[in-house]
Amino acid sequence: MKNYRKIEIIGFEESSEPEIRIYKDGHIKLIFSYMPPLNSEIGVDNFEYWESFENVLSEHLDVLITRDDDEIFIIKHPEEDTVEKLKIFLENYWIEIH
């Protein structure tokens, strides 16, 4: 039995979308298949941007996000609207950066 609920993301990485896992104790993991994303319009050459992507997420969501691995981001103390904001942010990410 899983101890988390999965929220799917559609529109960030067509071939391998990230997922949001909401654990029973309240913390959240955001898991990417690839970081940087393979469809990165910013470019895989811009590793500095993607190496600090937790800061981009933290600033947008206004919660502390730590990085557990290149592809795993942890939100230990999410706000009530964190999951909704995160989902919207990721699904509209490539639209918003233009």
Protein backbone atom coordinates (compact mmCIF):
# COMPACT_ATOMS: atom_id res chain seq x y z
CA MET A 1 0.00 0.00 0.00
CA LYS A 2 1.34 3.40 -1.00
CA ASN A 3 1.72 6.05 1.66
CA TYR A 4 1.18 8.85 -0.84
CA ARG A 5 -1.33 10.19 -3.34
CA LYS A 6 -0.06 11.00 -6.84
CA ILE A 7 -1.04 14.11 -8.81
CA GLU A 8 -0.17 13.96 -12.50
CA ILE A 9 1.19 16.92 -14.43
CA ILE A 10 0.31 17.39 -18.10
CA GLY A 11 2.25 19.77 -20.32
CA PHE A 12 5.68 20.12 -18.75
CA GLU A 13 7.57 17.22 -20.32
CA GLU A 14 5.51 15.43 -22.94
CA SER A 15 7.51 12.20 -23.03
CA SER A 16 7.92 11.89 -19.25
CA GLU A 17 5.78 14.19 -17.14
CA PRO A 18 6.80 14.98 -13.56
CA GLU A 19 4.57 13.92 -10.70
CA ILE A 20 3.58 15.38 -7.38
CA ARG A 21 3.40 12.96 -4.46
CA ILE A 22 1.46 14.01 -1.39
CA TYR A 23 2.45 11.87 1.59
CA LYS A 24 0.21 10.99 4.52
CA ASP A 25 2.36 13.04 6.89
CA GLY A 26 1.72 16.14 4.73
CA HIS A 27 5.05 16.59 2.97
CA ILE A 28 5.25 16.73 -0.82
CA LYS A 29 7.75 15.36 -3.31
CA LEU A 30 8.00 16.68 -6.84
CA ILE A 31 9.69 14.09 -9.02
CA PHE A 32 11.02 14.72 -12.52
CA SER A 33 12.25 12.06 -14.91
CA TYR A 34 14.98 14.36 -16.24
CA MET A 35 16.52 17.53 -14.94
CA PRO A 36 17.05 19.57 -16.98
CA PRO A 37 13.94 18.60 -18.92
CA LEU A 38 14.60 17.13 -22.34
CA ASN A 39 12.30 19.67 -24.01
CA SER A 40 13.96 22.60 -22.26
CA GLU A 41 13.53 25.72 -24.32
CA ILE A 42 15.92 27.44 -21.96
CA GLY A 43 18.49 24.97 -23.16
CA VAL A 44 20.39 22.18 -21.52
CA ASP A 45 23.47 24.38 -21.79
CA ASN A 46 21.99 26.60 -19.07
CA PHE A 47 22.74 24.24 -16.20
CA GLU A 48 22.98 27.09 -13.70
CA TYR A 49 19.27 27.80 -14.14
CA TRP A 50 18.24 24.17 -13.70
CA GLU A 51 20.74 23.53 -10.89
CA SER A 52 18.90 26.12 -8.83
CA PHE A 53 15.37 25.26 -9.98
CA GLU A 54 14.32 24.70 -6.36
CA ASN A 55 14.83 28.45 -5.88
CA VAL A 56 12.57 29.20 -8.85
CA LEU A 57 9.91 26.93 -7.37
CA SER A 58 10.33 28.31 -3.83
CA GLU A 59 9.96 31.86 -5.03
CA HIS A 60 6.84 31.10 -7.04
CA LEU A 61 5.17 28.97 -4.36
CA ASP A 62 6.38 30.97 -1.35
CA VAL A 63 7.43 27.80 0.53
CA LEU A 64 10.82 26.30 1.30
CA ILE A 65 11.82 23.62 -1.20
CA THR A 66 14.88 21.45 -0.84
CA ARG A 67 16.48 19.26 -3.43
CA ASP A 68 17.01 15.61 -2.55
CA ASP A 69 18.56 14.66 -5.88
CA ASP A 70 18.80 16.18 -9.34
CA GLU A 71 15.21 15.13 -10.08
CA ILE A 72 13.58 15.14 -6.62
CA PHE A 73 12.32 18.24 -4.81
CA ILE A 74 10.84 18.15 -1.30
CA ILE A 75 8.36 20.50 0.34
CA LYS A 76 8.29 19.59 4.04
CA HIS A 77 5.74 22.20 5.11
CA PRO A 78 3.39 23.02 2.24
CA GLU A 79 0.65 25.61 2.50
CA GLU A 80 -2.96 24.64 1.83
CA ASP A 81 -2.76 25.84 -1.79
CA THR A 82 0.76 24.60 -2.58
CA VAL A 83 -0.26 21.57 -4.65
CA GLU A 84 -2.72 23.57 -6.75
CA LYS A 85 -0.18 26.37 -7.34
CA LEU A 86 2.56 23.86 -8.19
CA LYS A 87 0.37 21.99 -10.67
CA ILE A 88 -0.71 25.18 -12.42
CA PHE A 89 2.86 26.51 -12.48
CA LEU A 90 4.29 23.35 -14.06
CA GLU A 91 1.48 22.78 -16.55
CA ASN A 92 1.81 26.36 -17.80
CA TYR A 93 5.58 26.65 -17.42
CA TRP A 94 6.56 26.75 -21.09
CA ILE A 95 3.75 29.19 -21.91
CA GLU A 96 4.70 31.54 -19.09
CA ILE A 97 8.41 31.84 -19.86
CA HIS A 98 7.77 33.37 -23.26
